[in-house]
Amino acid sequence: MIEDYISPKQLAAREREEEERDNPMATMTKAQVVQWLDANIADDNTRLALKQLGRLVLQNWQELNNK
């Protein structure tokens, strides 16, 4: 039983590793995400829509933090 014990630190590290493996964008910087999107989204309309959505999300986030 003791061999099966995982400390909270080890569990958190394992969960981070799984998240990084399952969702590579989870640990990317903003610039890396933009670069990935530009490289992987060929459709100009989709790219434009995502940029507009990103601007709206950022604007709303800033408004919420300024209240």
PDB file of N, CA and C in Angstrom:
ATOM      1  N   MET A   1       0.803  -1.191   0.000  1.00  0.00           N
ATOM      2  CA  MET A   1       0.000   0.000   0.000  1.00  0.00           C
ATOM      3  C   MET A   1       0.852   1.263   0.000  1.00  0.00           C
ATOM      4  N   ILE A   2       1.891   1.283   0.809  1.00  0.00           N
ATOM      5  CA  ILE A   2       2.723   2.476   0.887  1.00  0.00           C
ATOM      6  C   ILE A   2       3.385   2.762  -0.461  1.00  0.00           C
ATOM      7  N   GLU A   3       3.725   1.701  -1.198  1.00  0.00           N
ATOM      8  CA  GLU A   3       4.351   1.897  -2.510  1.00  0.00           C
ATOM      9  C   GLU A   3       3.419   2.636  -3.471  1.00  0.00           C
ATOM     10  N   ASP A   4       2.102   2.504  -3.267  1.00  0.00           N
ATOM     11  CA  ASP A   4       1.121   3.124  -4.153  1.00  0.00           C
ATOM     12  C   ASP A   4       0.841   4.586  -3.812  1.00  0.00           C
ATOM     13  N   TYR A   5       1.378   5.067  -2.685  1.00  0.00           N
ATOM     14  CA  TYR A   5       1.098   6.435  -2.258  1.00  0.00           C
ATOM     15  C   TYR A   5       1.756   7.431  -3.216  1.00  0.00           C
ATOM     16  N   ILE A   6       0.992   8.424  -3.608  1.00  0.00           N
ATOM     17  CA  ILE A   6       1.506   9.499  -4.450  1.00  0.00           C
ATOM     18  C   ILE A   6       1.295  10.794  -3.692  1.00  0.00           C
ATOM     19  N   SER A   7       2.366  11.523  -3.501  1.00  0.00           N
ATOM     20  CA  SER A   7       2.245  12.781  -2.768  1.00  0.00           C
ATOM     21  C   SER A   7       1.449  13.786  -3.613  1.00  0.00           C
ATOM     22  N   PRO A   8       0.865  14.776  -2.971  1.00  0.00           N
ATOM     23  CA  PRO A   8       0.125  15.802  -3.721  1.00  0.00           C
ATOM     24  C   PRO A   8       0.992  16.480  -4.786  1.00  0.00           C
ATOM     25  N   LYS A   9       2.268  16.698  -4.478  1.00  0.00           N
ATOM     26  CA  LYS A   9       3.186  17.310  -5.442  1.00  0.00           C
ATOM     27  C   LYS A   9       3.371  16.411  -6.666  1.00  0.00           C
ATOM     28  N   GLN A  10       3.568  15.106  -6.420  1.00  0.00           N
ATOM     29  CA  GLN A  10       3.737  14.163  -7.521  1.00  0.00           C
ATOM     30  C   GLN A  10       2.462  14.061  -8.349  1.00  0.00           C
ATOM     31  N   LEU A  11       1.312  14.080  -7.679  1.00  0.00           N
ATOM     32  CA  LEU A  11       0.034  14.005  -8.369  1.00  0.00           C
ATOM     33  C   LEU A  11      -0.161  15.238  -9.255  1.00  0.00           C
ATOM     34  N   ALA A  12       0.147  16.413  -8.732  1.00  0.00           N
ATOM     35  CA  ALA A  12       0.018  17.645  -9.511  1.00  0.00           C
ATOM     36  C   ALA A  12       0.949  17.619 -10.724  1.00  0.00           C
ATOM     37  N   ALA A  13       2.175  17.140 -10.532  1.00  0.00           N
ATOM     38  CA  ALA A  13       3.128  17.053 -11.643  1.00  0.00           C
ATOM     39  C   ALA A  13       2.628  16.084 -12.706  1.00  0.00           C
ATOM     40  N   ARG A  14       2.087  14.967 -12.277  1.00  0.00           N
ATOM     41  CA  ARG A  14       1.552  13.972 -13.213  1.00  0.00           C
ATOM     42  C   ARG A  14       0.371  14.559 -13.996  1.00  0.00           C
ATOM     43  N   GLU A  15      -0.510  15.293 -13.292  1.00  0.00           N
ATOM     44  CA  GLU A  15      -1.657  15.909 -13.958  1.00  0.00           C
ATOM     45  C   GLU A  15      -1.210  16.967 -14.973  1.00  0.00           C
ATOM     46  N   ARG A  16      -0.171  17.755 -14.622  1.00  0.00           N
ATOM     47  CA  ARG A  16       0.369  18.752 -15.558  1.00  0.00           C
ATOM     48  C   ARG A  16       0.930  18.071 -16.802  1.00  0.00           C
ATOM     49  N   GLU A  17       1.654  16.984 -16.611  1.00  0.00           N
ATOM     50  CA  GLU A  17       2.218  16.239 -17.743  1.00  0.00           C
ATOM     51  C   GLU A  17       1.116  15.708 -18.649  1.00  0.00           C
ATOM     52  N   GLU A  18       0.057  15.184 -18.037  1.00  0.00           N
ATOM     53  CA  GLU A  18      -1.065  14.672 -18.834  1.00  0.00           C
ATOM     54  C   GLU A  18      -1.754  15.799 -19.593  1.00  0.00           C
ATOM     55  N   GLU A  19      -1.923  16.949 -18.953  1.00  0.00           N
ATOM     56  CA  GLU A  19      -2.556  18.099 -19.597  1.00  0.00           C
ATOM     57  C   GLU A  19      -1.717  18.583 -20.779  1.00  0.00           C
ATOM     58  N   GLU A  20      -0.391  18.650 -20.574  1.00  0.00           N
ATOM     59  CA  GLU A  20       0.501  19.075 -21.652  1.00  0.00           C
ATOM     60  C   GLU A  20       0.439  18.101 -22.826  1.00  0.00           C
ATOM     61  N   ARG A  21       0.348  16.808 -22.517  1.00  0.00           N
ATOM     62  CA  ARG A  21       0.291  15.796 -23.568  1.00  0.00           C
ATOM     63  C   ARG A  21      -1.053  15.870 -24.302  1.00  0.00           C
ATOM     64  N   ASP A  22      -2.135  16.026 -23.539  1.00  0.00           N
ATOM     65  CA  ASP A  22      -3.474  16.051 -24.129  1.00  0.00           C
ATOM     66  C   ASP A  22      -3.812  17.385 -24.791  1.00  0.00           C
ATOM     67  N   ASN A  23      -3.247  18.466 -24.286  1.00  0.00           N
ATOM     68  CA  ASN A  23      -3.558  19.800 -24.791  1.00  0.00           C
ATOM     69  C   ASN A  23      -2.266  20.608 -24.878  1.00  0.00           C
ATOM     70  N   PRO A  24      -1.560  20.512 -25.998  1.00  0.00           N
ATOM     71  CA  PRO A  24      -0.269  21.185 -26.100  1.00  0.00           C
ATOM     72  C   PRO A  24      -0.366  22.703 -25.937  1.00  0.00           C
ATOM     73  N   MET A  25      -1.532  23.285 -26.200  1.00  0.00           N
ATOM     74  CA  MET A  25      -1.661  24.739 -26.061  1.00  0.00           C
ATOM     75  C   MET A  25      -1.724  25.185 -24.603  1.00  0.00           C
ATOM     76  N   ALA A  26      -1.934  24.246 -23.692  1.00  0.00           N
ATOM     77  CA  ALA A  26      -2.083  24.602 -22.286  1.00  0.00           C
ATOM     78  C   ALA A  26      -0.845  25.300 -21.732  1.00  0.00           C
ATOM     79  N   THR A  27       0.317  24.987 -22.258  1.00  0.00           N
ATOM     80  CA  THR A  27       1.544  25.569 -21.723  1.00  0.00           C
ATOM     81  C   THR A  27       2.219  26.527 -22.692  1.00  0.00           C
ATOM     82  N   MET A  28       1.552  26.855 -23.799  1.00  0.00           N
ATOM     83  CA  MET A  28       2.139  27.767 -24.776  1.00  0.00           C
ATOM     84  C   MET A  28       1.965  29.217 -24.347  1.00  0.00           C
ATOM     85  N   THR A  29       2.907  30.043 -24.771  1.00  0.00           N
ATOM     86  CA  THR A  29       2.741  31.475 -24.572  1.00  0.00           C
ATOM     87  C   THR A  29       1.747  31.995 -25.607  1.00  0.00           C
ATOM     88  N   LYS A  30       1.298  33.219 -25.425  1.00  0.00           N
ATOM     89  CA  LYS A  30       0.354  33.814 -26.368  1.00  0.00           C
ATOM     90  C   LYS A  30       0.947  33.819 -27.784  1.00  0.00           C
ATOM     91  N   ALA A  31       2.206  34.199 -27.897  1.00  0.00           N
ATOM     92  CA  ALA A  31       2.854  34.251 -29.213  1.00  0.00           C
ATOM     93  C   ALA A  31       2.924  32.871 -29.857  1.00  0.00           C
ATOM     94  N   GLN A  32       3.193  31.840 -29.055  1.00  0.00           N
ATOM     95  CA  GLN A  32       3.257  30.483 -29.589  1.00  0.00           C
ATOM     96  C   GLN A  32       1.892  30.017 -30.071  1.00  0.00           C
ATOM     97  N   VAL A  33       0.829  30.381 -29.341  1.00  0.00           N
ATOM     98  CA  VAL A  33      -0.519  30.004 -29.755  1.00  0.00           C
ATOM     99  C   VAL A  33      -0.868  30.685 -31.073  1.00  0.00           C
ATOM    100  N   VAL A  34      -0.566  31.979 -31.189  1.00  0.00           N
ATOM    101  CA  VAL A  34      -0.843  32.708 -32.428  1.00  0.00           C
ATOM    102  C   VAL A  34      -0.075  32.077 -33.587  1.00  0.00           C
ATOM    103  N   GLN A  35       1.183  31.752 -33.359  1.00  0.00           N
ATOM    104  CA  GLN A  35       2.003  31.124 -34.396  1.00  0.00           C
ATOM    105  C   GLN A  35       1.413  29.773 -34.801  1.00  0.00           C
ATOM    106  N   TRP A  36       0.987  28.977 -33.813  1.00  0.00           N
ATOM    107  CA  TRP A  36       0.391  27.674 -34.107  1.00  0.00           C
ATOM    108  C   TRP A  36      -0.883  27.844 -34.916  1.00  0.00           C
ATOM    109  N   LEU A  37      -1.740  28.784 -34.523  1.00  0.00           N
ATOM    110  CA  LEU A  37      -2.988  29.011 -35.240  1.00  0.00           C
ATOM    111  C   LEU A  37      -2.712  29.430 -36.686  1.00  0.00           C
ATOM    112  N   ASP A  38      -1.764  30.340 -36.863  1.00  0.00           N
ATOM    113  CA  ASP A  38      -1.432  30.776 -38.220  1.00  0.00           C
ATOM    114  C   ASP A  38      -0.932  29.622 -39.076  1.00  0.00           C
ATOM    115  N   ALA A  39      -0.171  28.731 -38.480  1.00  0.00           N
ATOM    116  CA  ALA A  39       0.392  27.613 -39.231  1.00  0.00           C
ATOM    117  C   ALA A  39      -0.633  26.523 -39.514  1.00  0.00           C
ATOM    118  N   ASN A  40      -1.645  26.394 -38.649  1.00  0.00           N
ATOM    119  CA  ASN A  40      -2.552  25.256 -38.753  1.00  0.00           C
ATOM    120  C   ASN A  40      -3.955  25.590 -39.243  1.00  0.00           C
ATOM    121  N   ILE A  41      -4.255  26.849 -39.399  1.00  0.00           N
ATOM    122  CA  ILE A  41      -5.576  27.224 -39.904  1.00  0.00           C
ATOM    123  C   ILE A  41      -5.385  27.855 -41.274  1.00  0.00           C
ATOM    124  N   ALA A  42      -5.733  27.095 -42.292  1.00  0.00           N
ATOM    125  CA  ALA A  42      -5.496  27.538 -43.666  1.00  0.00           C
ATOM    126  C   ALA A  42      -6.570  28.501 -44.151  1.00  0.00           C
ATOM    127  N   ASP A  43      -7.765  28.390 -43.627  1.00  0.00           N
ATOM    128  CA  ASP A  43      -8.887  29.194 -44.092  1.00  0.00           C
ATOM    129  C   ASP A  43      -8.789  30.616 -43.530  1.00  0.00           C
ATOM    130  N   ASP A  44      -8.702  31.612 -44.408  1.00  0.00           N
ATOM    131  CA  ASP A  44      -8.568  33.002 -43.981  1.00  0.00           C
ATOM    132  C   ASP A  44      -9.776  33.476 -43.180  1.00  0.00           C
ATOM    133  N   ASN A  45     -10.976  33.050 -43.562  1.00  0.00           N
ATOM    134  CA  ASN A  45     -12.173  33.476 -42.839  1.00  0.00           C
ATOM    135  C   ASN A  45     -12.173  32.932 -41.403  1.00  0.00           C
ATOM    136  N   THR A  46     -11.732  31.701 -41.241  1.00  0.00           N
ATOM    137  CA  THR A  46     -11.661  31.117 -39.897  1.00  0.00           C
ATOM    138  C   THR A  46     -10.622  31.853 -39.071  1.00  0.00           C
ATOM    139  N   ARG A  47      -9.487  32.135 -39.661  1.00  0.00           N
ATOM    140  CA  ARG A  47      -8.422  32.860 -38.956  1.00  0.00           C
ATOM    141  C   ARG A  47      -8.919  34.235 -38.518  1.00  0.00           C
ATOM    142  N   LEU A  48      -9.602  34.937 -39.410  1.00  0.00           N
ATOM    143  CA  LEU A  48     -10.125  36.265 -39.095  1.00  0.00           C
ATOM    144  C   LEU A  48     -11.158  36.179 -37.963  1.00  0.00           C
ATOM    145  N   ALA A  49     -12.040  35.193 -38.033  1.00  0.00           N
ATOM    146  CA  ALA A  49     -13.060  35.027 -36.994  1.00  0.00           C
ATOM    147  C   ALA A  49     -12.417  34.744 -35.637  1.00  0.00           C
ATOM    148  N   LEU A  50     -11.380  33.909 -35.617  1.00  0.00           N
ATOM    149  CA  LEU A  50     -10.699  33.602 -34.358  1.00  0.00           C
ATOM    150  C   LEU A  50      -9.994  34.837 -33.797  1.00  0.00           C
ATOM    151  N   LYS A  51      -9.397  35.649 -34.657  1.00  0.00           N
ATOM    152  CA  LYS A  51      -8.745  36.873 -34.183  1.00  0.00           C
ATOM    153  C   LYS A  51      -9.778  37.826 -33.584  1.00  0.00           C
ATOM    154  N   GLN A  52     -10.934  37.953 -34.243  1.00  0.00           N
ATOM    155  CA  GLN A  52     -11.983  38.824 -33.714  1.00  0.00           C
ATOM    156  C   GLN A  52     -12.498  38.297 -32.376  1.00  0.00           C
ATOM    157  N   LEU A  53     -12.677  36.997 -32.291  1.00  0.00           N
ATOM    158  CA  LEU A  53     -13.127  36.386 -31.043  1.00  0.00           C
ATOM    159  C   LEU A  53     -12.099  36.628 -29.935  1.00  0.00           C
ATOM    160  N   GLY A  54     -10.838  36.470 -30.269  1.00  0.00           N
ATOM    161  CA  GLY A  54      -9.768  36.711 -29.298  1.00  0.00           C
ATOM    162  C   GLY A  54      -9.782  38.138 -28.794  1.00  0.00           C
ATOM    163  N   ARG A  55     -10.003  39.086 -29.687  1.00  0.00           N
ATOM    164  CA  ARG A  55     -10.068  40.493 -29.280  1.00  0.00           C
ATOM    165  C   ARG A  55     -11.240  40.733 -28.327  1.00  0.00           C
ATOM    166  N   LEU A  56     -12.390  40.136 -28.649  1.00  0.00           N
ATOM    167  CA  LEU A  56     -13.563  40.307 -27.786  1.00  0.00           C
ATOM    168  C   LEU A  56     -13.336  39.697 -26.399  1.00  0.00           C
ATOM    169  N   VAL A  57     -12.734  38.520 -26.366  1.00  0.00           N
ATOM    170  CA  VAL A  57     -12.451  37.859 -25.085  1.00  0.00           C
ATOM    171  C   VAL A  57     -11.493  38.717 -24.273  1.00  0.00           C
ATOM    172  N   LEU A  58     -10.437  39.219 -24.894  1.00  0.00           N
ATOM    173  CA  LEU A  58      -9.466  40.056 -24.200  1.00  0.00           C
ATOM    174  C   LEU A  58     -10.123  41.340 -23.698  1.00  0.00           C
ATOM    175  N   GLN A  59     -10.940  41.963 -24.531  1.00  0.00           N
ATOM    176  CA  GLN A  59     -11.634  43.191 -24.142  1.00  0.00           C
ATOM    177  C   GLN A  59     -12.553  42.942 -22.941  1.00  0.00           C
ATOM    178  N   ASN A  60     -13.324  41.867 -22.998  1.00  0.00           N
ATOM    179  CA  ASN A  60     -14.227  41.546 -21.889  1.00  0.00           C
ATOM    180  C   ASN A  60     -13.458  41.229 -20.612  1.00  0.00           C
ATOM    181  N   TRP A  61     -12.350  40.523 -20.743  1.00  0.00           N
ATOM    182  CA  TRP A  61     -11.525  40.189 -19.587  1.00  0.00           C
ATOM    183  C   TRP A  61     -10.973  41.458 -18.953  1.00  0.00           C
ATOM    184  N   GLN A  62     -10.501  42.390 -19.794  1.00  0.00           N
ATOM    185  CA  GLN A  62      -9.961  43.644 -19.274  1.00  0.00           C
ATOM    186  C   GLN A  62     -11.052  44.461 -18.592  1.00  0.00           C
ATOM    187  N   GLU A  63     -12.246  44.495 -19.165  1.00  0.00           N
ATOM    188  CA  GLU A  63     -13.357  45.228 -18.564  1.00  0.00           C
ATOM    189  C   GLU A  63     -13.730  44.635 -17.208  1.00  0.00           C
ATOM    190  N   LEU A  64     -13.745  43.315 -17.118  1.00  0.00           N
ATOM    191  CA  LEU A  64     -14.071  42.667 -15.847  1.00  0.00           C
ATOM    192  C   LEU A  64     -13.027  42.974 -14.778  1.00  0.00           C
ATOM    193  N   ASN A  65     -11.762  43.042 -15.174  1.00  0.00           N
ATOM    194  CA  ASN A  65     -10.692  43.298 -14.206  1.00  0.00           C
ATOM    195  C   ASN A  65     -10.610  44.759 -13.809  1.00  0.00           C
ATOM    196  N   ASN A  66     -11.186  45.645 -14.595  1.00  0.00           N
ATOM    197  CA  ASN A  66     -11.149  47.066 -14.268  1.00  0.00           C
ATOM    198  C   ASN A  66     -12.304  47.493 -13.378  1.00  0.00           C
ATOM    199  N   LYS A  67     -13.261  46.604 -13.148  1.00  0.00           N
ATOM    200  CA  LYS A  67     -14.418  46.966 -12.303  1.00  0.00           C
ATOM    201  C   LYS A  67     -14.069  46.870 -10.848  1.00  0.00           C
TER     202      LYS A  67
END
